[in-house]
Amino acid sequence: MRVVHVVLPGDIDDPATPSGGNTYDRRACHGLTALGWAVREHPVPGGWPRPGPGERAALAGVLAGLPDGALVLLDGLVASVVPEVLAPHAIRLRLVVLVHLPLEDEAEAWTLALAAGVVTTSEWTRRRLLDRYALPAGRVWSAPPGVDPAPVAPGSPAGGRLLCVAAVTPVKGHDVLAAALATLADVPWTCVCVGALTRDPGFVDRLRRQLTDAGLADRVRLPGPCTGAALDAAYAAADLLVLPSRQETYGMAVTEALARGVPVLGSATGGLPEALGRAPDGARPGLLVPPDDPAALAAALRGWLTGPDLRTRLRGAARRRRDTLSGWTVTADRLATALTEATA
């Protein structure tokens, strides 16, 4: 039986701070276990990716306690910011770094140079790392997230039920969405922004003021994080997923929506177009606009809200794209292959 030690952020299972990265890590651990791997989890508490001395010491203690030759899969949120902690163990341990979000700095460069292998969560991220760093292409793999099958969302005739699923932070572009929606007061819509409100409280406060000043406080809801059945219900009630991210390495919410046949309006940034993909006939199951562009986002939203033919076309493409999505077993297979080859 292959054994892998997995170093994870301490909040991986905290329902108050759900994230795509945490979901990926949890499903990856379950998937490797299902494939017959012995998975030893090592959550490291603290404020990753901004660790203090205590967090660094905790990680150093975890690594020091592992036997020589151990295979270690480290979440990049932890590993990429503390190469000096990894360096003393890089020869005796077989380190593989799982990169969710490239940092593109000297610390990450050092970390990835120390690693026996690197796994990314999108092809876009893999290409980005190979372009940015002097890494051998043969030891950088991608294992994009899977998605679970789900019933098709019925959708409403008017298409006015908008959904955003993302932690409320500047990088996810909620302020861009608010600015776009402020120009659409003349058409009917509601918007639910599901996501953690604790990552950047100052930004959340500014967003609430922005919504109030624009007269949108009663049309845009910020209910906080949702998981499980509550999140399923949010997707089932949605007509359109809106993800106006300034930066996105993949966008698991995109495939979660597509699994229900819900079209997506997102930013043409990073790996988001990869997640959106195309239906077998080549049709896009949604719309892409430039990031950080409220006017372009507003124009696309107005086109959706006022265009029944567009809604019909995108819903059809989303339902066809739904049939092409990969499950988490494919992700686990790719990750297992990467771990095996990286440490051969």
C-alpha atoms as a PDB file:
ATOM      1  CA  MET A   1       0.000   0.000   0.000  1.00  0.00           C
ATOM      2  CA  ARG A   2       1.337   3.417  -0.984  1.00  0.00           C
ATOM      3  CA  VAL A   3       1.493   5.933   1.852  1.00  0.00           C
ATOM      4  CA  VAL A   4       1.206   9.695   1.344  1.00  0.00           C
ATOM      5  CA  HIS A   5       1.437  12.336   4.045  1.00  0.00           C
ATOM      6  CA  VAL A   6      -0.742  15.332   3.174  1.00  0.00           C
ATOM      7  CA  VAL A   7       0.029  18.726   4.736  1.00  0.00           C
ATOM      8  CA  LEU A   8      -3.120  20.857   4.776  1.00  0.00           C
ATOM      9  CA  PRO A   9      -4.276  24.278   6.005  1.00  0.00           C
ATOM     10  CA  GLY A  10      -5.784  23.940   9.450  1.00  0.00           C
ATOM     11  CA  ASP A  11      -9.193  25.264   8.362  1.00  0.00           C
ATOM     12  CA  ILE A  12      -9.767  22.601   5.714  1.00  0.00           C
ATOM     13  CA  ASP A  13     -13.021  21.398   7.298  1.00  0.00           C
ATOM     14  CA  ASP A  14     -14.204  24.685   8.828  1.00  0.00           C
ATOM     15  CA  PRO A  15     -17.773  25.310   7.535  1.00  0.00           C
ATOM     16  CA  ALA A  16     -17.333  29.037   8.190  1.00  0.00           C
ATOM     17  CA  THR A  17     -14.519  29.307   5.630  1.00  0.00           C
ATOM     18  CA  PRO A  18     -15.372  27.054   2.684  1.00  0.00           C
ATOM     19  CA  SER A  19     -13.176  27.469  -0.375  1.00  0.00           C
ATOM     20  CA  GLY A  20     -12.447  25.711  -3.603  1.00  0.00           C
ATOM     21  CA  GLY A  21      -8.977  24.864  -2.346  1.00  0.00           C
ATOM     22  CA  ASN A  22     -10.281  23.252   0.830  1.00  0.00           C
ATOM     23  CA  THR A  23     -12.903  21.314  -1.114  1.00  0.00           C
ATOM     24  CA  TYR A  24     -10.259  20.116  -3.564  1.00  0.00           C
ATOM     25  CA  ASP A  25      -7.940  18.987  -0.773  1.00  0.00           C
ATOM     26  CA  ARG A  26     -10.689  17.092   1.013  1.00  0.00           C
ATOM     27  CA  ARG A  27     -11.917  15.363  -2.146  1.00  0.00           C
ATOM     28  CA  ALA A  28      -8.328  14.553  -3.152  1.00  0.00           C
ATOM     29  CA  CYS A  29      -7.704  12.830   0.178  1.00  0.00           C
ATOM     30  CA  HIS A  30     -10.919  10.841  -0.156  1.00  0.00           C
ATOM     31  CA  GLY A  31     -10.108   9.946  -3.747  1.00  0.00           C
ATOM     32  CA  LEU A  32      -6.617   8.686  -2.977  1.00  0.00           C
ATOM     33  CA  THR A  33      -8.009   6.618  -0.115  1.00  0.00           C
ATOM     34  CA  ALA A  34     -10.564   5.068  -2.476  1.00  0.00           C
ATOM     35  CA  LEU A  35      -7.706   4.134  -4.817  1.00  0.00           C
ATOM     36  CA  GLY A  36      -6.028   2.188  -2.025  1.00  0.00           C
ATOM     37  CA  TRP A  37      -3.562   4.779  -0.766  1.00  0.00           C
ATOM     38  CA  ALA A  38      -2.944   5.206   2.938  1.00  0.00           C
ATOM     39  CA  VAL A  39      -3.486   8.944   3.447  1.00  0.00           C
ATOM     40  CA  ARG A  40      -2.001  10.511   6.581  1.00  0.00           C
ATOM     41  CA  GLU A  41      -3.370  14.015   7.074  1.00  0.00           C
ATOM     42  CA  HIS A  42      -1.414  16.761   8.847  1.00  0.00           C
ATOM     43  CA  PRO A  43      -3.501  19.947   9.184  1.00  0.00           C
ATOM     44  CA  VAL A  44      -1.332  22.913  10.185  1.00  0.00           C
ATOM     45  CA  PRO A  45      -3.317  25.639  11.975  1.00  0.00           C
ATOM     46  CA  GLY A  46      -2.653  29.305  11.438  1.00  0.00           C
ATOM     47  CA  GLY A  47      -3.057  32.235   9.119  1.00  0.00           C
ATOM     48  CA  TRP A  48      -1.879  30.732   5.849  1.00  0.00           C
ATOM     49  CA  PRO A  49      -0.602  32.124   3.533  1.00  0.00           C
ATOM     50  CA  ARG A  50       0.645  34.686   6.076  1.00  0.00           C
ATOM     51  CA  PRO A  51       2.141  32.466   8.776  1.00  0.00           C
ATOM     52  CA  GLY A  52       3.710  33.671  11.967  1.00  0.00           C
ATOM     53  CA  PRO A  53       6.565  32.054  13.890  1.00  0.00           C
ATOM     54  CA  GLY A  54       4.173  29.624  15.569  1.00  0.00           C
ATOM     55  CA  GLU A  55       2.799  28.324  12.282  1.00  0.00           C
ATOM     56  CA  ARG A  56       6.297  27.940  10.838  1.00  0.00           C
ATOM     57  CA  ALA A  57       7.399  26.016  13.919  1.00  0.00           C
ATOM     58  CA  ALA A  58       4.327  23.777  13.698  1.00  0.00           C
ATOM     59  CA  LEU A  59       5.052  22.913  10.080  1.00  0.00           C
ATOM     60  CA  ALA A  60       8.709  22.282  10.854  1.00  0.00           C
ATOM     61  CA  GLY A  61       7.614  19.916  13.618  1.00  0.00           C
ATOM     62  CA  VAL A  62       5.334  18.001  11.268  1.00  0.00           C
ATOM     63  CA  LEU A  63       8.092  17.544   8.684  1.00  0.00           C
ATOM     64  CA  ALA A  64      10.703  16.607  11.280  1.00  0.00           C
ATOM     65  CA  GLY A  65       8.401  13.866  12.552  1.00  0.00           C
ATOM     66  CA  LEU A  66       8.079  12.125   9.182  1.00  0.00           C
ATOM     67  CA  PRO A  67      10.298   9.142   8.373  1.00  0.00           C
ATOM     68  CA  ASP A  68      13.088   9.343   5.820  1.00  0.00           C
ATOM     69  CA  GLY A  69      11.849   8.742   2.294  1.00  0.00           C
ATOM     70  CA  ALA A  70       8.238   9.651   3.100  1.00  0.00           C
ATOM     71  CA  LEU A  71       6.087  10.930   0.252  1.00  0.00           C
ATOM     72  CA  VAL A  72       4.613  14.304   1.254  1.00  0.00           C
ATOM     73  CA  LEU A  73       1.927  16.211  -0.644  1.00  0.00           C
ATOM     74  CA  LEU A  74       1.840  19.833   0.541  1.00  0.00           C
ATOM     75  CA  ASP A  75      -0.907  22.316  -0.173  1.00  0.00           C
ATOM     76  CA  GLY A  76       0.720  25.278  -1.913  1.00  0.00           C
ATOM     77  CA  LEU A  77      -1.078  27.698   0.382  1.00  0.00           C
ATOM     78  CA  VAL A  78       1.253  26.383   3.082  1.00  0.00           C
ATOM     79  CA  ALA A  79       4.349  25.278   1.202  1.00  0.00           C
ATOM     80  CA  SER A  80       4.864  28.150  -1.214  1.00  0.00           C
ATOM     81  CA  VAL A  81       5.418  30.779   1.472  1.00  0.00           C
ATOM     82  CA  VAL A  82       7.903  28.930   3.693  1.00  0.00           C
ATOM     83  CA  PRO A  83      10.664  27.398   1.534  1.00  0.00           C
ATOM     84  CA  GLU A  84      13.141  27.900   4.373  1.00  0.00           C
ATOM     85  CA  VAL A  85      11.091  25.434   6.438  1.00  0.00           C
ATOM     86  CA  LEU A  86      11.029  22.876   3.623  1.00  0.00           C
ATOM     87  CA  ALA A  87      14.689  23.163   2.618  1.00  0.00           C
ATOM     88  CA  PRO A  88      16.193  21.105   5.496  1.00  0.00           C
ATOM     89  CA  HIS A  89      13.893  18.191   4.554  1.00  0.00           C
ATOM     90  CA  ALA A  90      14.017  18.386   0.759  1.00  0.00           C
ATOM     91  CA  ILE A  91      16.611  15.626   0.387  1.00  0.00           C
ATOM     92  CA  ARG A  92      15.335  13.111   2.930  1.00  0.00           C
ATOM     93  CA  LEU A  93      11.615  13.543   2.086  1.00  0.00           C
ATOM     94  CA  ARG A  94       9.898  13.289  -1.308  1.00  0.00           C
ATOM     95  CA  LEU A  95       8.049  16.592  -1.480  1.00  0.00           C
ATOM     96  CA  VAL A  96       5.244  17.251  -3.980  1.00  0.00           C
ATOM     97  CA  VAL A  97       3.576  20.665  -3.970  1.00  0.00           C
ATOM     98  CA  LEU A  98      -0.088  21.114  -4.919  1.00  0.00           C
ATOM     99  CA  VAL A  99      -0.461  24.611  -6.398  1.00  0.00           C
ATOM    100  CA  HIS A 100      -3.969  26.067  -6.356  1.00  0.00           C
ATOM    101  CA  LEU A 101      -2.984  29.706  -6.914  1.00  0.00           C
ATOM    102  CA  PRO A 102       0.437  30.717  -8.274  1.00  0.00           C
ATOM    103  CA  LEU A 103       2.103  33.393  -6.148  1.00  0.00           C
ATOM    104  CA  GLU A 104       4.835  34.138  -8.693  1.00  0.00           C
ATOM    105  CA  ASP A 105       7.415  35.310  -6.199  1.00  0.00           C
ATOM    106  CA  GLU A 106      10.859  34.282  -5.004  1.00  0.00           C
ATOM    107  CA  ALA A 107       9.528  32.175  -2.145  1.00  0.00           C
ATOM    108  CA  GLU A 108       7.388  30.099  -4.485  1.00  0.00           C
ATOM    109  CA  ALA A 109      10.268  29.754  -6.948  1.00  0.00           C
ATOM    110  CA  TRP A 110      12.449  28.341  -4.178  1.00  0.00           C
ATOM    111  CA  THR A 111       9.708  26.009  -2.947  1.00  0.00           C
ATOM    112  CA  LEU A 112       9.041  24.541  -6.387  1.00  0.00           C
ATOM    113  CA  ALA A 113      12.754  24.102  -7.044  1.00  0.00           C
ATOM    114  CA  LEU A 114      12.974  22.023  -3.860  1.00  0.00           C
ATOM    115  CA  ALA A 115      10.061  19.774  -4.797  1.00  0.00           C
ATOM    116  CA  ALA A 116      10.301  16.378  -6.442  1.00  0.00           C
ATOM    117  CA  GLY A 117       7.119  17.247  -8.328  1.00  0.00           C
ATOM    118  CA  VAL A 118       4.424  19.868  -8.728  1.00  0.00           C
ATOM    119  CA  VAL A 119       0.695  19.305  -9.258  1.00  0.00           C
ATOM    120  CA  THR A 120      -1.591  22.093 -10.435  1.00  0.00           C
ATOM    121  CA  THR A 121      -5.368  22.312 -10.404  1.00  0.00           C
ATOM    122  CA  SER A 122      -5.678  23.515 -13.991  1.00  0.00           C
ATOM    123  CA  GLU A 123      -3.820  23.319 -17.275  1.00  0.00           C
ATOM    124  CA  TRP A 124      -3.635  27.120 -17.220  1.00  0.00           C
ATOM    125  CA  THR A 125      -1.735  27.043 -13.927  1.00  0.00           C
ATOM    126  CA  ARG A 126       0.616  24.367 -15.226  1.00  0.00           C
ATOM    127  CA  ARG A 127       1.473  26.485 -18.271  1.00  0.00           C
ATOM    128  CA  ARG A 128       1.856  29.552 -16.080  1.00  0.00           C
ATOM    129  CA  LEU A 129       4.364  27.867 -13.792  1.00  0.00           C
ATOM    130  CA  LEU A 130       6.369  26.474 -16.697  1.00  0.00           C
ATOM    131  CA  ASP A 131       6.497  29.936 -18.264  1.00  0.00           C
ATOM    132  CA  ARG A 132       7.440  31.627 -14.997  1.00  0.00           C
ATOM    133  CA  TYR A 133       9.977  29.189 -13.555  1.00  0.00           C
ATOM    134  CA  ALA A 134      12.755  26.960 -14.844  1.00  0.00           C
ATOM    135  CA  LEU A 135      10.891  23.746 -14.065  1.00  0.00           C
ATOM    136  CA  PRO A 136      11.222  20.541 -16.090  1.00  0.00           C
ATOM    137  CA  ALA A 137       7.882  20.021 -17.871  1.00  0.00           C
ATOM    138  CA  GLY A 138       8.062  16.328 -17.059  1.00  0.00           C
ATOM    139  CA  ARG A 139       7.669  16.909 -13.352  1.00  0.00           C
ATOM    140  CA  VAL A 140       4.726  19.317 -13.436  1.00  0.00           C
ATOM    141  CA  TRP A 141       1.289  17.710 -13.740  1.00  0.00           C
ATOM    142  CA  SER A 142      -2.278  19.003 -13.745  1.00  0.00           C
ATOM    143  CA  ALA A 143      -5.212  17.398 -11.981  1.00  0.00           C
ATOM    144  CA  PRO A 144      -8.236  19.689 -12.471  1.00  0.00           C
ATOM    145  CA  PRO A 145     -11.131  19.474 -10.010  1.00  0.00           C
ATOM    146  CA  GLY A 146     -13.962  17.073 -10.635  1.00  0.00           C
ATOM    147  CA  VAL A 147     -17.639  17.702 -10.094  1.00  0.00           C
ATOM    148  CA  ASP A 148     -20.470  15.558  -8.787  1.00  0.00           C
ATOM    149  CA  PRO A 149     -23.521  14.836 -10.961  1.00  0.00           C
ATOM    150  CA  ALA A 150     -26.542  16.938 -10.048  1.00  0.00           C
ATOM    151  CA  PRO A 151     -30.124  17.388 -11.243  1.00  0.00           C
ATOM    152  CA  VAL A 152     -30.737  19.984 -13.947  1.00  0.00           C
ATOM    153  CA  ALA A 153     -31.882  23.328 -12.548  1.00  0.00           C
ATOM    154  CA  PRO A 154     -35.244  24.246 -14.111  1.00  0.00           C
ATOM    155  CA  GLY A 155     -34.491  27.953 -14.587  1.00  0.00           C
ATOM    156  CA  SER A 156     -37.084  30.708 -14.648  1.00  0.00           C
ATOM    157  CA  PRO A 157     -38.527  32.170 -17.856  1.00  0.00           C
ATOM    158  CA  ALA A 158     -37.177  35.668 -17.160  1.00  0.00           C
ATOM    159  CA  GLY A 159     -33.705  34.475 -16.123  1.00  0.00           C
ATOM    160  CA  GLY A 160     -33.458  37.040 -13.340  1.00  0.00           C
ATOM    161  CA  ARG A 161     -32.192  34.856 -10.507  1.00  0.00           C
ATOM    162  CA  LEU A 162     -28.473  35.576 -10.420  1.00  0.00           C
ATOM    163  CA  LEU A 163     -26.017  33.675  -8.230  1.00  0.00           C
ATOM    164  CA  CYS A 164     -22.406  34.352  -7.274  1.00  0.00           C
ATOM    165  CA  VAL A 165     -20.525  31.660  -5.336  1.00  0.00           C
ATOM    166  CA  ALA A 166     -17.223  32.952  -3.981  1.00  0.00           C
ATOM    167  CA  ALA A 167     -15.659  34.260  -0.800  1.00  0.00           C
ATOM    168  CA  VAL A 168     -16.408  37.984  -0.627  1.00  0.00           C
ATOM    169  CA  THR A 169     -12.954  39.399  -1.313  1.00  0.00           C
ATOM    170  CA  PRO A 170     -11.530  41.912  -3.808  1.00  0.00           C
ATOM    171  CA  VAL A 171     -10.043  39.182  -6.011  1.00  0.00           C
ATOM    172  CA  LYS A 172     -13.513  37.740  -6.655  1.00  0.00           C
ATOM    173  CA  GLY A 173     -14.790  41.060  -7.983  1.00  0.00           C
ATOM    174  CA  HIS A 174     -17.991  41.561  -6.008  1.00  0.00           C
ATOM    175  CA  ASP A 175     -17.482  45.327  -6.241  1.00  0.00           C
ATOM    176  CA  VAL A 176     -17.328  45.010 -10.032  1.00  0.00           C
ATOM    177  CA  LEU A 177     -20.587  43.069  -9.952  1.00  0.00           C
ATOM    178  CA  ALA A 178     -22.228  45.704  -7.737  1.00  0.00           C
ATOM    179  CA  ALA A 179     -21.140  48.469 -10.125  1.00  0.00           C
ATOM    180  CA  ALA A 180     -22.568  46.543 -13.083  1.00  0.00           C
ATOM    181  CA  LEU A 181     -25.857  45.804 -11.339  1.00  0.00           C
ATOM    182  CA  ALA A 182     -26.251  49.470 -10.424  1.00  0.00           C
ATOM    183  CA  THR A 183     -26.818  50.205 -14.120  1.00  0.00           C
ATOM    184  CA  LEU A 184     -29.560  47.573 -14.415  1.00  0.00           C
ATOM    185  CA  ALA A 185     -32.170  48.968 -12.039  1.00  0.00           C
ATOM    186  CA  ASP A 186     -34.683  49.158 -14.904  1.00  0.00           C
ATOM    187  CA  VAL A 187     -34.870  45.379 -15.407  1.00  0.00           C
ATOM    188  CA  PRO A 188     -36.051  42.726 -12.926  1.00  0.00           C
ATOM    189  CA  TRP A 189     -33.412  40.592 -11.212  1.00  0.00           C
ATOM    190  CA  THR A 190     -32.214  39.439  -7.811  1.00  0.00           C
ATOM    191  CA  CYS A 191     -28.699  38.363  -6.884  1.00  0.00           C
ATOM    192  CA  VAL A 192     -27.500  36.072  -4.109  1.00  0.00           C
ATOM    193  CA  CYS A 193     -23.778  36.229  -3.315  1.00  0.00           C
ATOM    194  CA  VAL A 194     -22.950  33.057  -1.404  1.00  0.00           C
ATOM    195  CA  GLY A 195     -19.538  33.032   0.256  1.00  0.00           C
ATOM    196  CA  ALA A 196     -17.487  33.640   3.372  1.00  0.00           C
ATOM    197  CA  LEU A 197     -17.708  37.162   4.787  1.00  0.00           C
ATOM    198  CA  THR A 198     -14.722  36.892   7.131  1.00  0.00           C
ATOM    199  CA  ARG A 199     -11.760  36.806   4.741  1.00  0.00           C
ATOM    200  CA  ASP A 200     -11.683  40.607   4.282  1.00  0.00           C
ATOM    201  CA  PRO A 201     -14.191  42.327   6.609  1.00  0.00           C
ATOM    202  CA  GLY A 202     -13.152  45.788   5.439  1.00  0.00           C
ATOM    203  CA  PHE A 203     -13.985  44.911   1.851  1.00  0.00           C
ATOM    204  CA  VAL A 204     -17.336  43.447   2.924  1.00  0.00           C
ATOM    205  CA  ASP A 205     -18.186  46.691   4.732  1.00  0.00           C
ATOM    206  CA  ARG A 206     -17.288  48.741   1.659  1.00  0.00           C
ATOM    207  CA  LEU A 207     -19.345  46.437  -0.549  1.00  0.00           C
ATOM    208  CA  ARG A 208     -22.391  46.801   1.689  1.00  0.00           C
ATOM    209  CA  ARG A 209     -22.069  50.600   1.541  1.00  0.00           C
ATOM    210  CA  GLN A 210     -21.690  50.418  -2.223  1.00  0.00           C
ATOM    211  CA  LEU A 211     -24.896  48.375  -2.508  1.00  0.00           C
ATOM    212  CA  THR A 212     -26.780  50.704  -0.165  1.00  0.00           C
ATOM    213  CA  ASP A 213     -25.636  53.824  -1.998  1.00  0.00           C
ATOM    214  CA  ALA A 214     -26.750  52.307  -5.310  1.00  0.00           C
ATOM    215  CA  GLY A 215     -30.154  51.351  -3.905  1.00  0.00           C
ATOM    216  CA  LEU A 216     -29.424  47.633  -4.308  1.00  0.00           C
ATOM    217  CA  ALA A 217     -29.481  46.484  -0.674  1.00  0.00           C
ATOM    218  CA  ASP A 218     -32.876  44.841  -1.140  1.00  0.00           C
ATOM    219  CA  ARG A 219     -31.912  43.137  -4.419  1.00  0.00           C
ATOM    220  CA  VAL A 220     -28.461  41.756  -3.566  1.00  0.00           C
ATOM    221  CA  ARG A 221     -28.168  39.344  -0.636  1.00  0.00           C
ATOM    222  CA  LEU A 222     -24.970  38.390   1.181  1.00  0.00           C
ATOM    223  CA  PRO A 223     -26.063  35.379   3.265  1.00  0.00           C
ATOM    224  CA  GLY A 224     -22.540  34.184   4.039  1.00  0.00           C
ATOM    225  CA  PRO A 225     -21.118  30.742   3.319  1.00  0.00           C
ATOM    226  CA  CYS A 226     -23.305  27.828   2.277  1.00  0.00           C
ATOM    227  CA  THR A 227     -22.361  24.177   2.060  1.00  0.00           C
ATOM    228  CA  GLY A 228     -24.111  20.881   1.480  1.00  0.00           C
ATOM    229  CA  ALA A 229     -27.856  20.982   0.913  1.00  0.00           C
ATOM    230  CA  ALA A 230     -28.029  24.776   1.275  1.00  0.00           C
ATOM    231  CA  LEU A 231     -25.498  25.275  -1.514  1.00  0.00           C
ATOM    232  CA  ASP A 232     -27.268  22.683  -3.668  1.00  0.00           C
ATOM    233  CA  ALA A 233     -30.505  24.616  -3.198  1.00  0.00           C
ATOM    234  CA  ALA A 234     -28.812  27.869  -4.211  1.00  0.00           C
ATOM    235  CA  TYR A 235     -27.605  26.341  -7.476  1.00  0.00           C
ATOM    236  CA  ALA A 236     -30.980  24.704  -8.118  1.00  0.00           C
ATOM    237  CA  ALA A 237     -32.726  28.076  -7.815  1.00  0.00           C
ATOM    238  CA  ALA A 238     -30.283  29.937 -10.066  1.00  0.00           C
ATOM    239  CA  ASP A 239     -30.720  31.053 -13.650  1.00  0.00           C
ATOM    240  CA  LEU A 240     -27.166  32.322 -14.189  1.00  0.00           C
ATOM    241  CA  LEU A 241     -23.909  31.994 -12.268  1.00  0.00           C
ATOM    242  CA  VAL A 242     -21.939  35.239 -12.278  1.00  0.00           C
ATOM    243  CA  LEU A 243     -18.246  35.036 -11.383  1.00  0.00           C
ATOM    244  CA  PRO A 244     -16.592  38.432 -11.997  1.00  0.00           C
ATOM    245  CA  SER A 245     -13.186  37.437 -10.630  1.00  0.00           C
ATOM    246  CA  ARG A 246     -10.132  39.589 -11.174  1.00  0.00           C
ATOM    247  CA  GLN A 247      -8.042  36.408 -10.986  1.00  0.00           C
ATOM    248  CA  GLU A 248      -9.106  32.759 -11.124  1.00  0.00           C
ATOM    249  CA  THR A 249      -6.950  29.685 -11.571  1.00  0.00           C
ATOM    250  CA  TYR A 250      -9.941  27.459 -12.399  1.00  0.00           C
ATOM    251  CA  GLY A 251     -13.275  28.270 -10.773  1.00  0.00           C
ATOM    252  CA  MET A 252     -14.958  25.219  -9.261  1.00  0.00           C
ATOM    253  CA  ALA A 253     -18.223  27.154  -8.990  1.00  0.00           C
ATOM    254  CA  VAL A 254     -18.271  27.221 -12.797  1.00  0.00           C
ATOM    255  CA  THR A 255     -18.397  23.446 -13.150  1.00  0.00           C
ATOM    256  CA  GLU A 256     -20.768  23.161 -10.177  1.00  0.00           C
ATOM    257  CA  ALA A 257     -23.188  25.391 -12.082  1.00  0.00           C
ATOM    258  CA  LEU A 258     -22.657  23.573 -15.372  1.00  0.00           C
ATOM    259  CA  ALA A 259     -23.337  20.243 -13.649  1.00  0.00           C
ATOM    260  CA  ARG A 260     -26.863  21.597 -13.163  1.00  0.00           C
ATOM    261  CA  GLY A 261     -27.139  23.044 -16.659  1.00  0.00           C
ATOM    262  CA  VAL A 262     -26.832  26.606 -15.353  1.00  0.00           C
ATOM    263  CA  PRO A 263     -24.992  28.958 -17.761  1.00  0.00           C
ATOM    264  CA  VAL A 264     -22.085  31.058 -16.534  1.00  0.00           C
ATOM    265  CA  LEU A 265     -21.093  34.689 -16.991  1.00  0.00           C
ATOM    266  CA  GLY A 266     -17.483  35.001 -15.934  1.00  0.00           C
ATOM    267  CA  SER A 267     -14.248  36.884 -16.404  1.00  0.00           C
ATOM    268  CA  ALA A 268     -11.879  35.887 -19.176  1.00  0.00           C
ATOM    269  CA  THR A 269      -9.025  35.437 -16.744  1.00  0.00           C
ATOM    270  CA  GLY A 270      -6.684  32.621 -15.778  1.00  0.00           C
ATOM    271  CA  GLY A 271      -8.202  29.164 -15.867  1.00  0.00           C
ATOM    272  CA  LEU A 272     -11.839  30.267 -15.826  1.00  0.00           C
ATOM    273  CA  PRO A 273     -12.292  29.832 -19.611  1.00  0.00           C
ATOM    274  CA  GLU A 274     -10.831  26.336 -19.203  1.00  0.00           C
ATOM    275  CA  ALA A 275     -13.453  25.482 -16.568  1.00  0.00           C
ATOM    276  CA  LEU A 276     -16.237  26.918 -18.715  1.00  0.00           C
ATOM    277  CA  GLY A 277     -15.117  24.900 -21.715  1.00  0.00           C
ATOM    278  CA  ARG A 278     -17.408  24.160 -24.622  1.00  0.00           C
ATOM    279  CA  ALA A 279     -20.267  21.822 -25.415  1.00  0.00           C
ATOM    280  CA  PRO A 280     -19.501  18.953 -27.832  1.00  0.00           C
ATOM    281  CA  ASP A 281     -20.746  21.097 -30.736  1.00  0.00           C
ATOM    282  CA  GLY A 282     -18.288  23.864 -29.845  1.00  0.00           C
ATOM    283  CA  ALA A 283     -20.825  26.221 -28.268  1.00  0.00           C
ATOM    284  CA  ARG A 284     -19.798  28.086 -25.135  1.00  0.00           C
ATOM    285  CA  PRO A 285     -22.140  27.422 -22.205  1.00  0.00           C
ATOM    286  CA  GLY A 286     -21.907  31.014 -21.064  1.00  0.00           C
ATOM    287  CA  LEU A 287     -20.328  34.398 -21.642  1.00  0.00           C
ATOM    288  CA  LEU A 288     -16.845  35.763 -20.934  1.00  0.00           C
ATOM    289  CA  VAL A 289     -16.007  39.411 -20.329  1.00  0.00           C
ATOM    290  CA  PRO A 290     -12.745  41.196 -19.483  1.00  0.00           C
ATOM    291  CA  PRO A 291     -11.925  41.205 -15.756  1.00  0.00           C
ATOM    292  CA  ASP A 292     -12.388  44.387 -13.724  1.00  0.00           C
ATOM    293  CA  ASP A 293     -14.685  45.895 -16.373  1.00  0.00           C
ATOM    294  CA  PRO A 294     -18.103  46.854 -14.902  1.00  0.00           C
ATOM    295  CA  ALA A 295     -19.372  48.211 -18.237  1.00  0.00           C
ATOM    296  CA  ALA A 296     -18.643  44.965 -20.090  1.00  0.00           C
ATOM    297  CA  LEU A 297     -20.188  42.924 -17.285  1.00  0.00           C
ATOM    298  CA  ALA A 298     -23.291  45.138 -17.277  1.00  0.00           C
ATOM    299  CA  ALA A 299     -23.677  44.802 -21.041  1.00  0.00           C
ATOM    300  CA  ALA A 300     -23.471  41.007 -20.826  1.00  0.00           C
ATOM    301  CA  LEU A 301     -25.959  40.921 -17.959  1.00  0.00           C
ATOM    302  CA  ARG A 302     -28.378  43.156 -19.844  1.00  0.00           C
ATOM    303  CA  GLY A 303     -28.064  40.906 -22.878  1.00  0.00           C
ATOM    304  CA  TRP A 304     -28.941  37.881 -20.740  1.00  0.00           C
ATOM    305  CA  LEU A 305     -31.803  39.556 -18.877  1.00  0.00           C
ATOM    306  CA  THR A 306     -33.436  41.034 -21.962  1.00  0.00           C
ATOM    307  CA  GLY A 307     -32.642  38.339 -24.516  1.00  0.00           C
ATOM    308  CA  PRO A 308     -34.856  35.229 -24.399  1.00  0.00           C
ATOM    309  CA  ASP A 309     -33.128  33.749 -27.447  1.00  0.00           C
ATOM    310  CA  LEU A 310     -29.728  34.162 -25.793  1.00  0.00           C
ATOM    311  CA  ARG A 311     -30.983  32.512 -22.618  1.00  0.00           C
ATOM    312  CA  THR A 312     -32.352  29.571 -24.591  1.00  0.00           C
ATOM    313  CA  ARG A 313     -29.115  29.156 -26.511  1.00  0.00           C
ATOM    314  CA  LEU A 314     -26.854  29.311 -23.449  1.00  0.00           C
ATOM    315  CA  ARG A 315     -29.060  26.987 -21.415  1.00  0.00           C
ATOM    316  CA  GLY A 316     -28.934  24.431 -24.205  1.00  0.00           C
ATOM    317  CA  ALA A 317     -25.146  24.677 -24.411  1.00  0.00           C
ATOM    318  CA  ALA A 318     -24.818  24.385 -20.624  1.00  0.00           C
ATOM    319  CA  ARG A 319     -26.891  21.228 -20.581  1.00  0.00           C
ATOM    320  CA  ARG A 320     -24.792  19.718 -23.366  1.00  0.00           C
ATOM    321  CA  ARG A 321     -21.578  20.737 -21.604  1.00  0.00           C
ATOM    322  CA  ARG A 322     -22.957  19.078 -18.448  1.00  0.00           C
ATOM    323  CA  ASP A 323     -22.579  15.664 -20.072  1.00  0.00           C
ATOM    324  CA  THR A 324     -18.846  16.165 -20.693  1.00  0.00           C
ATOM    325  CA  LEU A 325     -17.770  17.073 -17.147  1.00  0.00           C
ATOM    326  CA  SER A 326     -15.314  14.795 -15.326  1.00  0.00           C
ATOM    327  CA  GLY A 327     -15.887  13.412 -11.843  1.00  0.00           C
ATOM    328  CA  TRP A 328     -13.563  13.429  -8.851  1.00  0.00           C
ATOM    329  CA  THR A 329     -12.383   9.890  -9.629  1.00  0.00           C
ATOM    330  CA  VAL A 330     -10.588  11.305 -12.680  1.00  0.00           C
ATOM    331  CA  THR A 331      -8.945  13.949 -10.478  1.00  0.00           C
ATOM    332  CA  ALA A 332      -7.797  11.289  -8.012  1.00  0.00           C
ATOM    333  CA  ASP A 333      -6.404   9.119 -10.826  1.00  0.00           C
ATOM    334  CA  ARG A 334      -4.389  12.033 -12.211  1.00  0.00           C
ATOM    335  CA  LEU A 335      -3.126  12.981  -8.778  1.00  0.00           C
ATOM    336  CA  ALA A 336      -2.108   9.413  -8.007  1.00  0.00           C
ATOM    337  CA  THR A 337      -0.254   9.183 -11.317  1.00  0.00           C
ATOM    338  CA  ALA A 338       1.568  12.437 -10.575  1.00  0.00           C
ATOM    339  CA  LEU A 339       2.568  11.288  -7.085  1.00  0.00           C
ATOM    340  CA  THR A 340       3.837   7.985  -8.432  1.00  0.00           C
ATOM    341  CA  GLU A 341       5.813   9.484 -11.299  1.00  0.00           C
ATOM    342  CA  ALA A 342       7.194  12.379  -9.289  1.00  0.00           C
ATOM    343  CA  THR A 343       8.766  10.029  -6.787  1.00  0.00           C
ATOM    344  CA  ALA A 344       9.735   7.124  -9.036  1.00  0.00           C
END
